[in-house]
Amino acid sequence: MNYPIKQLEKLARKIQELLGEYHNEELRTLNFDIPWEERTRMSMEASSNFMRRAGVEVLPNVQKVLAEIEALLEGEDKAITERIRPILSEAKQWADHPTNPLGYAELSTQLMRLAGHLSVRVVAKPTIFIGYRYTAEDEKLANKFIQLFELEGFKCVSGKTAKAEDIDKKVKKLIDQSEGVIIIFTREKELKDGGWTTSRWLTDEKAYAMGRGKPVLLFFENCIAQTERKGIHGELEYVEFNREHLDEAFLKAIPYLRDFRQRVLERKGHE
């Protein structure tokens, strides 16, 4: 997100500049050779001048920038939104009704605080186990999916590097260590009545993940028979794909992935 951080800092400095001029005016009222009534008038005039200038030169721009930030947060990662929104709300409160120079001093502080938090972009990247068939053809396919998953904020791991004799143990360990599981079911054997079977191994991975209470998201190749799918997905939602037209499936998958990511983060927050 391209947040107006420099504008926030510039506005905060402008407030400090006006406050400096105001305080210089206030210092003149400490001259006790000037009658008390005159010093009171001078103090009120200094405050009035400050409020007028700040209200014209700063406040409208502050309110505009804060509104812009609020709009940008609508498309932001939830973890960042939850961190920034309370600070933004406090800044907006001070910007709504600054009644005196002290209010503007606090507003300046809040603007710098907000700028600091916006400049630190910390996004949680949950670790997700990706299950797929380890054939050359399906590995190429899985790599395309993994690129999408990483763009959507996941750190992806798989059992591809495990040796044949210990792959089951390795996969179970990876699932245990992951925060969620995505399985890409692809065709394995063609059925006489039409459609294809899929890997029993992937079915076992899905069952193990569910048994461990992991959030699970499934992808099914469109040629896999419905009779095969029903016993696998149960009540789980899944995304269907055609390996010849992955772009269409990826567009469809994005909202599912974002919902899945949110479920993963919420589960992590409750652990």
Protein backbone atom coordinates (compact mmCIF):
# COMPACT_ATOMS: atom_id res chain seq x y z
CA MET A 1 0.00 0.00 0.00
CA ASN A 2 1.25 3.46 -0.91
CA TYR A 3 0.38 5.33 2.28
CA PRO A 4 0.90 9.13 2.45
CA ILE A 5 3.52 8.83 5.18
CA LYS A 6 5.57 11.84 4.07
CA GLN A 7 2.42 13.98 4.03
CA LEU A 8 1.67 12.95 7.62
CA GLU A 9 5.18 13.90 8.69
CA LYS A 10 5.03 17.20 6.80
CA LEU A 11 1.71 18.13 8.42
CA ALA A 12 3.02 17.22 11.87
CA ARG A 13 6.06 19.46 11.30
CA LYS A 14 3.83 22.29 10.09
CA ILE A 15 1.83 22.10 13.31
CA GLN A 16 5.07 22.23 15.30
CA GLU A 17 6.18 25.25 13.29
CA LEU A 18 2.94 27.10 14.05
CA LEU A 19 3.18 26.08 17.69
CA GLY A 20 6.70 27.53 17.81
CA GLU A 21 5.43 30.88 16.55
CA TYR A 22 2.56 30.74 19.03
CA HIS A 23 4.90 30.06 21.95
CA ASN A 24 7.09 32.98 20.91
CA GLU A 25 4.02 35.22 21.06
CA GLU A 26 3.15 33.80 24.45
CA LEU A 27 6.61 34.62 25.78
CA ARG A 28 5.87 38.30 25.20
CA THR A 29 3.02 38.10 27.70
CA LEU A 30 5.52 37.23 30.44
CA ASN A 31 6.77 40.83 30.40
CA PHE A 32 5.37 42.07 33.70
CA ASP A 33 6.01 45.66 32.69
CA ILE A 34 2.97 45.27 30.46
CA PRO A 35 -0.38 45.71 32.25
CA TRP A 36 -2.20 42.48 33.10
CA GLU A 37 -5.19 43.35 30.91
CA GLU A 38 -2.91 43.94 27.92
CA ARG A 39 -1.03 40.70 28.54
CA THR A 40 -4.35 38.82 28.67
CA ARG A 41 -5.42 40.40 25.40
CA MET A 42 -2.09 39.52 23.79
CA SER A 43 -2.36 35.89 24.97
CA MET A 44 -5.90 35.54 23.61
CA GLU A 45 -4.85 37.14 20.33
CA ALA A 46 -1.88 34.75 19.99
CA SER A 47 -4.14 31.76 20.61
CA SER A 48 -6.76 33.08 18.18
CA ASN A 49 -4.15 33.68 15.47
CA PHE A 50 -2.75 30.18 15.94
CA MET A 51 -6.18 28.52 15.75
CA ARG A 52 -7.09 30.51 12.65
CA ARG A 53 -3.89 29.67 10.79
CA ALA A 54 -3.89 26.02 11.84
CA GLY A 55 -7.55 25.72 10.85
CA VAL A 56 -6.82 27.07 7.37
CA GLU A 57 -3.27 25.88 6.62
CA VAL A 58 -3.23 22.46 8.29
CA LEU A 59 -6.51 20.97 9.50
CA PRO A 60 -8.29 20.44 6.13
CA ASN A 61 -5.22 18.64 4.78
CA VAL A 62 -4.94 16.50 7.91
CA GLN A 63 -8.55 15.41 7.60
CA LYS A 64 -8.09 14.67 3.90
CA VAL A 65 -4.98 12.53 4.48
CA LEU A 66 -6.60 10.61 7.34
CA ALA A 67 -9.62 9.87 5.14
CA GLU A 68 -7.27 8.62 2.41
CA ILE A 69 -5.53 6.28 4.86
CA GLU A 70 -8.86 4.95 6.09
CA ALA A 71 -9.89 4.15 2.50
CA LEU A 72 -6.58 2.37 1.82
CA LEU A 73 -7.02 0.22 4.93
CA GLU A 74 -10.15 -1.33 3.42
CA GLY A 75 -7.95 -3.37 1.09
CA GLU A 76 -5.23 -4.09 3.62
CA ASP A 77 -4.17 -7.27 5.36
CA LYS A 78 -6.33 -7.79 8.46
CA ALA A 79 -3.32 -8.09 10.78
CA ILE A 80 -2.12 -4.65 9.68
CA THR A 81 -5.62 -3.16 9.79
CA GLU A 82 -6.12 -4.28 13.39
CA ARG A 83 -2.81 -2.68 14.37
CA ILE A 84 -3.32 0.62 12.52
CA ARG A 85 -7.03 1.33 12.95
CA PRO A 86 -6.97 2.23 16.69
CA ILE A 87 -4.13 4.71 16.07
CA LEU A 88 -5.95 6.15 13.07
CA SER A 89 -9.16 6.52 15.11
CA GLU A 90 -7.35 8.44 17.83
CA ALA A 91 -5.75 10.76 15.27
CA LYS A 92 -9.15 11.36 13.68
CA GLN A 93 -10.66 12.26 17.04
CA TRP A 94 -8.01 14.92 17.62
CA ALA A 95 -8.45 16.19 14.06
CA ASP A 96 -12.23 16.49 14.40
CA HIS A 97 -12.35 19.09 17.19
CA PRO A 98 -8.99 20.63 18.16
CA THR A 99 -10.17 23.37 20.53
CA ASN A 100 -6.83 24.91 21.51
CA PRO A 101 -3.07 24.82 20.76
CA LEU A 102 -2.60 21.90 23.17
CA GLY A 103 -5.07 19.91 21.06
CA TYR A 104 -2.98 20.59 17.97
CA ALA A 105 0.18 19.56 19.84
CA GLU A 106 -1.45 16.21 20.60
CA LEU A 107 -2.62 15.93 16.98
CA SER A 108 0.96 16.44 15.80
CA THR A 109 2.11 13.64 18.10
CA GLN A 110 -0.61 11.31 16.81
CA LEU A 111 0.26 12.05 13.17
CA MET A 112 3.92 11.14 13.76
CA ARG A 113 2.88 8.02 15.65
CA LEU A 114 0.60 6.98 12.79
CA ALA A 115 3.35 7.63 10.22
CA GLY A 116 5.73 5.45 12.22
CA HIS A 117 3.32 2.53 12.39
CA LEU A 118 2.43 2.77 8.71
CA SER A 119 6.11 2.64 7.76
CA VAL A 120 6.50 -0.72 9.52
CA ARG A 121 4.73 -3.32 7.43
CA VAL A 122 4.61 -6.58 9.36
CA VAL A 123 2.51 -9.20 7.62
CA ALA A 124 2.02 -12.64 9.10
CA LYS A 125 2.99 -15.38 6.65
CA PRO A 126 1.47 -18.62 7.92
CA THR A 127 3.27 -21.84 7.02
CA ILE A 128 1.08 -24.09 4.88
CA PHE A 129 1.71 -27.68 3.88
CA ILE A 130 0.98 -28.25 0.18
CA GLY A 131 0.00 -31.79 -0.78
CA TYR A 132 0.29 -32.94 -4.41
CA ARG A 133 1.42 -35.93 -6.47
CA TYR A 134 5.19 -36.03 -6.91
CA THR A 135 5.21 -36.78 -10.62
CA ALA A 136 7.08 -34.54 -13.05
CA GLU A 137 3.83 -33.41 -14.67
CA ASP A 138 2.05 -32.64 -11.42
CA GLU A 139 5.08 -31.01 -9.86
CA LYS A 140 5.10 -28.42 -12.65
CA LEU A 141 1.41 -27.84 -12.02
CA ALA A 142 1.90 -27.59 -8.25
CA ASN A 143 4.68 -25.02 -8.67
CA LYS A 144 2.22 -22.72 -10.46
CA PHE A 145 -0.23 -23.08 -7.58
CA ILE A 146 2.53 -22.46 -5.04
CA GLN A 147 3.45 -19.20 -6.78
CA LEU A 148 -0.17 -18.07 -6.33
CA PHE A 149 -0.24 -19.18 -2.69
CA GLU A 150 2.95 -17.27 -1.92
CA LEU A 151 1.56 -14.14 -3.58
CA GLU A 152 -1.45 -14.49 -1.27
CA GLY A 153 0.78 -14.43 1.81
CA PHE A 154 1.58 -18.07 2.57
CA LYS A 155 4.91 -19.75 3.26
CA CYS A 156 4.65 -23.10 1.47
CA VAL A 157 6.29 -26.41 2.38
CA SER A 158 5.91 -29.91 0.92
CA GLY A 159 7.28 -33.42 1.36
CA LYS A 160 8.91 -33.44 -2.07
CA THR A 161 12.45 -33.70 -0.70
CA ALA A 162 11.68 -36.66 1.55
CA LYS A 163 13.08 -40.09 0.70
CA ALA A 164 10.61 -42.75 -0.42
CA GLU A 165 11.11 -44.88 2.69
CA ASP A 166 10.40 -42.06 5.15
CA ILE A 167 8.05 -39.82 3.17
CA ASP A 168 4.94 -40.76 5.18
CA LYS A 169 6.67 -39.89 8.44
CA LYS A 170 8.12 -36.70 6.94
CA VAL A 171 4.76 -35.56 5.57
CA LYS A 172 3.00 -36.12 8.89
CA LYS A 173 5.69 -34.13 10.68
CA LEU A 174 5.36 -31.27 8.17
CA ILE A 175 1.58 -31.26 8.59
CA ASP A 176 1.99 -31.19 12.38
CA GLN A 177 4.35 -28.22 12.10
CA SER A 178 2.19 -26.32 9.61
CA GLU A 179 -0.62 -23.91 10.42
CA GLY A 180 -2.87 -25.13 7.62
CA VAL A 181 -3.00 -27.58 4.72
CA ILE A 182 -3.80 -27.17 1.02
CA ILE A 183 -4.13 -30.30 -1.10
CA ILE A 184 -4.16 -30.31 -4.91
CA PHE A 185 -6.01 -33.43 -6.09
CA THR A 186 -5.04 -34.38 -9.63
CA ARG A 187 -5.93 -37.26 -11.94
CA GLU A 188 -4.27 -40.63 -11.44
CA LYS A 189 -6.08 -43.48 -13.28
CA GLU A 190 -8.82 -43.23 -15.89
CA LEU A 191 -12.09 -44.98 -15.06
CA LYS A 192 -13.92 -47.19 -17.55
CA ASP A 193 -17.18 -45.29 -17.01
CA GLY A 194 -15.50 -41.91 -17.48
CA GLY A 195 -13.60 -39.59 -15.20
CA TRP A 196 -10.46 -40.27 -13.23
CA THR A 197 -9.41 -41.46 -9.80
CA THR A 198 -7.05 -39.46 -7.63
CA SER A 199 -4.24 -40.33 -5.25
CA ARG A 200 -5.10 -42.29 -2.09
CA TRP A 201 -1.98 -40.80 -0.62
CA LEU A 202 -3.42 -37.28 -0.92
CA THR A 203 -6.68 -38.51 0.59
CA ASP A 204 -4.74 -39.84 3.58
CA GLU A 205 -2.92 -36.50 3.95
CA LYS A 206 -6.25 -34.67 4.01
CA ALA A 207 -7.64 -37.09 6.63
CA TYR A 208 -4.54 -36.73 8.80
CA ALA A 209 -4.69 -32.93 8.62
CA MET A 210 -8.37 -32.92 9.57
CA GLY A 211 -7.64 -35.26 12.46
CA ARG A 212 -5.02 -32.83 13.71
CA GLY A 213 -7.53 -29.97 13.59
CA LYS A 214 -5.75 -28.08 10.81
CA PRO A 215 -7.64 -25.68 8.51
CA VAL A 216 -7.83 -27.42 5.12
CA LEU A 217 -8.47 -26.12 1.59
CA LEU A 218 -8.91 -28.51 -1.35
CA PHE A 219 -8.37 -28.15 -5.09
CA PHE A 220 -9.80 -30.76 -7.49
CA GLU A 221 -8.87 -31.24 -11.12
CA ASN A 222 -12.10 -31.04 -13.12
CA CYS A 223 -11.73 -34.51 -14.64
CA ILE A 224 -11.81 -36.30 -11.27
CA ALA A 225 -15.04 -38.29 -10.97
CA GLN A 226 -17.71 -37.05 -8.58
CA THR A 227 -17.81 -40.47 -6.96
CA GLU A 228 -14.15 -39.96 -6.07
CA ARG A 229 -14.65 -36.46 -4.70
CA LYS A 230 -17.64 -37.12 -2.45
CA GLY A 231 -15.75 -39.38 -0.14
CA ILE A 232 -12.91 -36.90 0.13
CA HIS A 233 -14.23 -33.38 0.56
CA GLY A 234 -17.19 -34.14 2.84
CA GLU A 235 -18.45 -30.77 4.10
CA LEU A 236 -15.36 -28.89 2.94
CA GLU A 237 -15.55 -26.33 0.18
CA TYR A 238 -13.23 -26.91 -2.74
CA VAL A 239 -12.01 -25.17 -5.87
CA GLU A 240 -12.20 -26.96 -9.22
CA PHE A 241 -9.58 -26.34 -11.89
CA ASN A 242 -8.73 -27.24 -15.46
CA ARG A 243 -4.97 -27.57 -15.89
CA GLU A 244 -5.28 -26.17 -19.41
CA HIS A 245 -6.98 -22.99 -18.14
CA LEU A 246 -5.37 -22.25 -14.78
CA ASP A 247 -5.90 -18.48 -15.02
CA GLU A 248 -9.65 -18.94 -14.65
CA ALA A 249 -9.21 -21.20 -11.63
CA PHE A 250 -6.72 -18.83 -10.00
CA LEU A 251 -9.14 -15.91 -10.24
CA LYS A 252 -11.84 -18.06 -8.68
CA ALA A 253 -9.43 -19.30 -6.00
CA ILE A 254 -8.33 -15.90 -4.65
CA PRO A 255 -11.36 -15.24 -2.37
CA TYR A 256 -11.18 -18.84 -1.11
CA LEU A 257 -7.48 -18.41 -0.33
CA ARG A 258 -8.06 -15.15 1.52
CA ASP A 259 -10.84 -16.67 3.58
CA PHE A 260 -8.64 -19.69 4.27
CA ARG A 261 -5.75 -17.46 5.32
CA GLN A 262 -8.00 -15.59 7.72
CA ARG A 263 -9.16 -18.88 9.27
CA VAL A 264 -5.55 -19.95 9.68
CA LEU A 265 -4.58 -16.67 11.37
CA GLU A 266 -7.62 -16.73 13.66
CA ARG A 267 -6.84 -20.29 14.72
CA LYS A 268 -3.23 -19.31 15.38
CA GLY A 269 -4.40 -16.37 17.49
CA HIS A 270 -6.45 -18.70 19.70
CA GLU A 271 -3.63 -21.16 20.33
